[in-house]
Amino acid sequence: MNLFPASNYTFKIIGEQSESLDRLKRRTESSESLASKITDKSFIGTINNNAFTIISSEIGKGAFCVLSGEIVDNNGVINVEINKAFKILLSFFICLPLAGLILQAISQDNKFLILFILIAMLECLMIRYIFIEFTFRKLSKQSLNRLSDVLDIETLEKIKND
């Protein structure tokens, strides 16, 4: 089980590889840091030869998902994952119920119940599988739709993880 979700996709572009990469370069603000900033471009990131690492340029939520991929001939692969800065922030939120449980155990020995352990575990699971998972699915879909528009992707298929 991974603490943070990630998805892998394969795709096929309609036109030529060079045209799609040129279009992506024109619509990407070149930046080594994957942080949101105001720009008129669709993406922020780096494009090297036929490989790319980009985020959506939407302020606030665009940097949540990092799209990294490669185009070979008319086919390509995309890996979508949560940005490192957001992983650190979300790790803090996942640890909050555990910190509360530890503080409860330290402060009141005689009132510490097994119920508190169960509640802390459920809170951690709810944060991971409800908050983080749904946010990742929604924002990765938006970023993939934007990338599909820029690259003229004909088919986009998720790679099943066993």
C-alpha atoms as a PDB file:
ATOM      1  CA  MET A   1       0.000   0.000   0.000  1.00  0.00           C
ATOM      2  CA  ASN A   2       1.329   3.424  -0.936  1.00  0.00           C
ATOM      3  CA  LEU A   3       0.777   6.345   1.372  1.00  0.00           C
ATOM      4  CA  PHE A   4       0.179   8.644  -1.589  1.00  0.00           C
ATOM      5  CA  PRO A   5      -1.679   7.748  -4.781  1.00  0.00           C
ATOM      6  CA  ALA A   6      -0.040   7.736  -8.197  1.00  0.00           C
ATOM      7  CA  SER A   7      -1.287   6.766 -11.656  1.00  0.00           C
ATOM      8  CA  ASN A   8       0.383   5.672 -14.866  1.00  0.00           C
ATOM      9  CA  TYR A   9      -1.131   6.145 -18.310  1.00  0.00           C
ATOM     10  CA  THR A  10      -0.262   5.293 -21.884  1.00  0.00           C
ATOM     11  CA  PHE A  11      -1.422   7.498 -24.736  1.00  0.00           C
ATOM     12  CA  LYS A  12      -1.369   7.853 -28.499  1.00  0.00           C
ATOM     13  CA  ILE A  13      -1.158  11.255 -30.172  1.00  0.00           C
ATOM     14  CA  ILE A  14      -2.958  12.211 -33.373  1.00  0.00           C
ATOM     15  CA  GLY A  15      -0.219  14.121 -35.208  1.00  0.00           C
ATOM     16  CA  GLU A  16       3.538  13.896 -35.332  1.00  0.00           C
ATOM     17  CA  GLN A  17       5.686  13.677 -32.225  1.00  0.00           C
ATOM     18  CA  SER A  18       7.661  16.804 -33.118  1.00  0.00           C
ATOM     19  CA  GLU A  19       4.495  18.884 -33.629  1.00  0.00           C
ATOM     20  CA  SER A  20       3.058  17.771 -30.295  1.00  0.00           C
ATOM     21  CA  LEU A  21       6.284  18.490 -28.437  1.00  0.00           C
ATOM     22  CA  ASP A  22       6.555  21.931 -30.080  1.00  0.00           C
ATOM     23  CA  ARG A  23       2.982  22.694 -29.046  1.00  0.00           C
ATOM     24  CA  LEU A  24       3.756  21.549 -25.487  1.00  0.00           C
ATOM     25  CA  LYS A  25       6.908  23.714 -25.407  1.00  0.00           C
ATOM     26  CA  ARG A  26       4.938  26.759 -26.565  1.00  0.00           C
ATOM     27  CA  ARG A  27       2.288  26.187 -23.860  1.00  0.00           C
ATOM     28  CA  THR A  28       4.784  25.514 -21.025  1.00  0.00           C
ATOM     29  CA  GLU A  29       6.507  28.148 -18.903  1.00  0.00           C
ATOM     30  CA  SER A  30      10.053  26.864 -18.432  1.00  0.00           C
ATOM     31  CA  SER A  31      10.907  26.448 -14.751  1.00  0.00           C
ATOM     32  CA  GLU A  32      12.987  23.998 -12.740  1.00  0.00           C
ATOM     33  CA  SER A  33      10.842  24.515  -9.636  1.00  0.00           C
ATOM     34  CA  LEU A  34       7.406  22.978  -9.852  1.00  0.00           C
ATOM     35  CA  ALA A  35       5.609  25.810  -8.073  1.00  0.00           C
ATOM     36  CA  SER A  36       2.539  27.762  -9.156  1.00  0.00           C
ATOM     37  CA  LYS A  37       2.992  31.251 -10.497  1.00  0.00           C
ATOM     38  CA  ILE A  38       0.946  33.601 -12.618  1.00  0.00           C
ATOM     39  CA  THR A  39       1.490  32.910 -16.307  1.00  0.00           C
ATOM     40  CA  ASP A  40      -0.487  32.867 -19.543  1.00  0.00           C
ATOM     41  CA  LYS A  41       0.799  29.365 -20.372  1.00  0.00           C
ATOM     42  CA  SER A  42      -1.043  26.092 -19.642  1.00  0.00           C
ATOM     43  CA  PHE A  43       1.818  24.386 -17.804  1.00  0.00           C
ATOM     44  CA  ILE A  44       4.944  25.091 -15.765  1.00  0.00           C
ATOM     45  CA  GLY A  45       7.935  22.760 -15.895  1.00  0.00           C
ATOM     46  CA  THR A  46      10.706  21.338 -18.020  1.00  0.00           C
ATOM     47  CA  ILE A  47      10.774  19.641 -21.400  1.00  0.00           C
ATOM     48  CA  ASN A  48      13.955  17.831 -22.449  1.00  0.00           C
ATOM     49  CA  ASN A  49      13.994  16.218 -25.901  1.00  0.00           C
ATOM     50  CA  ASN A  50      10.939  13.956 -25.771  1.00  0.00           C
ATOM     51  CA  ALA A  51      10.568  13.813 -21.943  1.00  0.00           C
ATOM     52  CA  PHE A  52       8.681  16.282 -19.771  1.00  0.00           C
ATOM     53  CA  THR A  53       7.957  17.072 -16.122  1.00  0.00           C
ATOM     54  CA  ILE A  54       5.166  19.615 -15.735  1.00  0.00           C
ATOM     55  CA  ILE A  55       2.412  20.921 -13.469  1.00  0.00           C
ATOM     56  CA  SER A  56      -0.756  22.738 -14.422  1.00  0.00           C
ATOM     57  CA  SER A  57      -0.442  26.512 -14.202  1.00  0.00           C
ATOM     58  CA  GLU A  58      -3.703  26.956 -12.281  1.00  0.00           C
ATOM     59  CA  ILE A  59      -2.956  28.990  -9.163  1.00  0.00           C
ATOM     60  CA  GLY A  60      -3.573  27.092  -5.934  1.00  0.00           C
ATOM     61  CA  LYS A  61      -4.482  23.652  -7.180  1.00  0.00           C
ATOM     62  CA  GLY A  62      -2.388  23.227 -10.322  1.00  0.00           C
ATOM     63  CA  ALA A  63       0.798  22.279  -8.486  1.00  0.00           C
ATOM     64  CA  PHE A  64      -0.849  19.399  -6.602  1.00  0.00           C
ATOM     65  CA  CYS A  65      -0.186  16.861  -9.376  1.00  0.00           C
ATOM     66  CA  VAL A  66       3.105  16.439 -11.225  1.00  0.00           C
ATOM     67  CA  LEU A  67       2.872  14.993 -14.724  1.00  0.00           C
ATOM     68  CA  SER A  68       6.056  13.361 -15.935  1.00  0.00           C
ATOM     69  CA  GLY A  69       6.225  11.464 -19.154  1.00  0.00           C
ATOM     70  CA  GLU A  70       7.863  10.657 -22.412  1.00  0.00           C
ATOM     71  CA  ILE A  71       6.739  10.583 -26.037  1.00  0.00           C
ATOM     72  CA  VAL A  72       8.269   8.014 -28.369  1.00  0.00           C
ATOM     73  CA  ASP A  73       7.022   8.094 -31.969  1.00  0.00           C
ATOM     74  CA  ASN A  74       3.258   8.595 -31.597  1.00  0.00           C
ATOM     75  CA  ASN A  75       2.979   6.803 -28.255  1.00  0.00           C
ATOM     76  CA  GLY A  76       3.776   7.952 -24.777  1.00  0.00           C
ATOM     77  CA  VAL A  77       3.673   7.250 -21.078  1.00  0.00           C
ATOM     78  CA  ILE A  78       2.574   9.610 -18.300  1.00  0.00           C
ATOM     79  CA  ASN A  79       3.180   9.204 -14.573  1.00  0.00           C
ATOM     80  CA  VAL A  80       0.915  11.334 -12.375  1.00  0.00           C
ATOM     81  CA  GLU A  81       1.877  11.788  -8.739  1.00  0.00           C
ATOM     82  CA  ILE A  82       1.473  14.265  -5.908  1.00  0.00           C
ATOM     83  CA  ASN A  83       4.024  17.079  -5.771  1.00  0.00           C
ATOM     84  CA  LYS A  84       6.742  16.664  -3.135  1.00  0.00           C
ATOM     85  CA  ALA A  85       5.757  19.830  -1.248  1.00  0.00           C
ATOM     86  CA  PHE A  86       2.171  18.604  -0.955  1.00  0.00           C
ATOM     87  CA  LYS A  87       3.381  15.176   0.188  1.00  0.00           C
ATOM     88  CA  ILE A  88       5.167  16.828   3.113  1.00  0.00           C
ATOM     89  CA  LEU A  89       2.098  18.884   4.022  1.00  0.00           C
ATOM     90  CA  LEU A  90      -0.252  15.905   3.744  1.00  0.00           C
ATOM     91  CA  SER A  91       2.092  13.741   5.819  1.00  0.00           C
ATOM     92  CA  PHE A  92       1.743  16.298   8.589  1.00  0.00           C
ATOM     93  CA  PHE A  93      -2.071  16.066   8.401  1.00  0.00           C
ATOM     94  CA  ILE A  94      -1.953  12.271   8.484  1.00  0.00           C
ATOM     95  CA  CYS A  95       0.230  12.366  11.611  1.00  0.00           C
ATOM     96  CA  LEU A  96      -2.034  14.759  13.539  1.00  0.00           C
ATOM     97  CA  PRO A  97      -4.434  12.065  14.840  1.00  0.00           C
ATOM     98  CA  LEU A  98      -1.454   9.966  15.961  1.00  0.00           C
ATOM     99  CA  ALA A  99       0.053  12.966  17.751  1.00  0.00           C
ATOM    100  CA  GLY A 100      -3.267  13.555  19.489  1.00  0.00           C
ATOM    101  CA  LEU A 101      -3.340   9.918  20.554  1.00  0.00           C
ATOM    102  CA  ILE A 102       0.161  10.171  22.014  1.00  0.00           C
ATOM    103  CA  LEU A 103      -0.694  13.384  23.865  1.00  0.00           C
ATOM    104  CA  GLN A 104      -3.842  11.758  25.232  1.00  0.00           C
ATOM    105  CA  ALA A 105      -1.840   8.771  26.479  1.00  0.00           C
ATOM    106  CA  ILE A 106       0.762  10.992  28.148  1.00  0.00           C
ATOM    107  CA  SER A 107      -1.649  13.407  29.818  1.00  0.00           C
ATOM    108  CA  GLN A 108      -4.313  11.072  31.221  1.00  0.00           C
ATOM    109  CA  ASP A 109      -3.174   7.540  31.945  1.00  0.00           C
ATOM    110  CA  ASN A 110      -6.288   6.410  33.726  1.00  0.00           C
ATOM    111  CA  LYS A 111      -8.752   7.702  31.099  1.00  0.00           C
ATOM    112  CA  PHE A 112      -6.912   6.280  28.073  1.00  0.00           C
ATOM    113  CA  LEU A 113      -9.223   3.936  26.223  1.00  0.00           C
ATOM    114  CA  ILE A 114      -8.856   1.516  23.330  1.00  0.00           C
ATOM    115  CA  LEU A 115     -11.557   3.574  21.637  1.00  0.00           C
ATOM    116  CA  PHE A 116      -9.085   6.437  21.195  1.00  0.00           C
ATOM    117  CA  ILE A 117      -6.734   4.129  19.270  1.00  0.00           C
ATOM    118  CA  LEU A 118      -9.549   3.066  16.980  1.00  0.00           C
ATOM    119  CA  ILE A 119     -10.652   6.656  16.393  1.00  0.00           C
ATOM    120  CA  ALA A 120      -7.089   7.811  15.593  1.00  0.00           C
ATOM    121  CA  MET A 121      -6.630   4.973  13.112  1.00  0.00           C
ATOM    122  CA  LEU A 122      -9.966   5.733  11.449  1.00  0.00           C
ATOM    123  CA  GLU A 123      -9.091   9.416  11.190  1.00  0.00           C
ATOM    124  CA  CYS A 124      -5.779   8.547   9.482  1.00  0.00           C
ATOM    125  CA  LEU A 125      -7.571   6.238   7.056  1.00  0.00           C
ATOM    126  CA  MET A 126     -10.259   8.829   6.320  1.00  0.00           C
ATOM    127  CA  ILE A 127      -7.642  11.490   5.575  1.00  0.00           C
ATOM    128  CA  ARG A 128      -5.774   9.136   3.250  1.00  0.00           C
ATOM    129  CA  TYR A 129      -8.617   7.375   1.448  1.00  0.00           C
ATOM    130  CA  ILE A 130     -11.229  10.115   1.353  1.00  0.00           C
ATOM    131  CA  PHE A 131      -9.518  13.500   1.388  1.00  0.00           C
ATOM    132  CA  ILE A 132      -6.243  12.734  -0.404  1.00  0.00           C
ATOM    133  CA  GLU A 133      -7.616  10.130  -2.861  1.00  0.00           C
ATOM    134  CA  PHE A 134     -10.566  12.220  -4.052  1.00  0.00           C
ATOM    135  CA  THR A 135      -8.473  15.370  -4.336  1.00  0.00           C
ATOM    136  CA  PHE A 136      -5.830  13.479  -6.330  1.00  0.00           C
ATOM    137  CA  ARG A 137      -8.405  11.944  -8.675  1.00  0.00           C
ATOM    138  CA  LYS A 138     -10.136  15.260  -9.345  1.00  0.00           C
ATOM    139  CA  LEU A 139      -7.004  17.349  -9.886  1.00  0.00           C
ATOM    140  CA  SER A 140      -5.140  14.694 -11.878  1.00  0.00           C
ATOM    141  CA  LYS A 141      -8.130  14.364 -14.198  1.00  0.00           C
ATOM    142  CA  GLN A 142      -8.142  18.135 -14.761  1.00  0.00           C
ATOM    143  CA  SER A 143      -4.398  18.156 -15.492  1.00  0.00           C
ATOM    144  CA  LEU A 144      -4.681  15.160 -17.840  1.00  0.00           C
ATOM    145  CA  ASN A 145      -7.559  16.806 -19.722  1.00  0.00           C
ATOM    146  CA  ARG A 146      -5.475  19.937 -20.170  1.00  0.00           C
ATOM    147  CA  LEU A 147      -2.493  17.886 -21.371  1.00  0.00           C
ATOM    148  CA  SER A 148      -4.741  15.908 -23.740  1.00  0.00           C
ATOM    149  CA  ASP A 149      -5.884  19.175 -25.269  1.00  0.00           C
ATOM    150  CA  VAL A 150      -2.334  20.464 -25.756  1.00  0.00           C
ATOM    151  CA  LEU A 151      -0.853  17.245 -27.153  1.00  0.00           C
ATOM    152  CA  ASP A 152      -3.928  16.226 -29.201  1.00  0.00           C
ATOM    153  CA  ILE A 153      -4.107  12.856 -27.489  1.00  0.00           C
ATOM    154  CA  GLU A 154      -6.225  10.341 -29.375  1.00  0.00           C
ATOM    155  CA  THR A 155      -6.409   7.627 -26.697  1.00  0.00           C
ATOM    156  CA  LEU A 156      -5.475   7.710 -23.039  1.00  0.00           C
ATOM    157  CA  GLU A 157      -5.508   4.462 -21.077  1.00  0.00           C
ATOM    158  CA  LYS A 158      -4.697   3.875 -17.439  1.00  0.00           C
ATOM    159  CA  ILE A 159      -2.104   1.189 -16.751  1.00  0.00           C
ATOM    160  CA  LYS A 160      -3.471  -1.264 -14.209  1.00  0.00           C
ATOM    161  CA  ASN A 161      -1.279  -1.731 -11.129  1.00  0.00           C
ATOM    162  CA  ASP A 162      -1.338  -5.274  -9.816  1.00  0.00           C
END
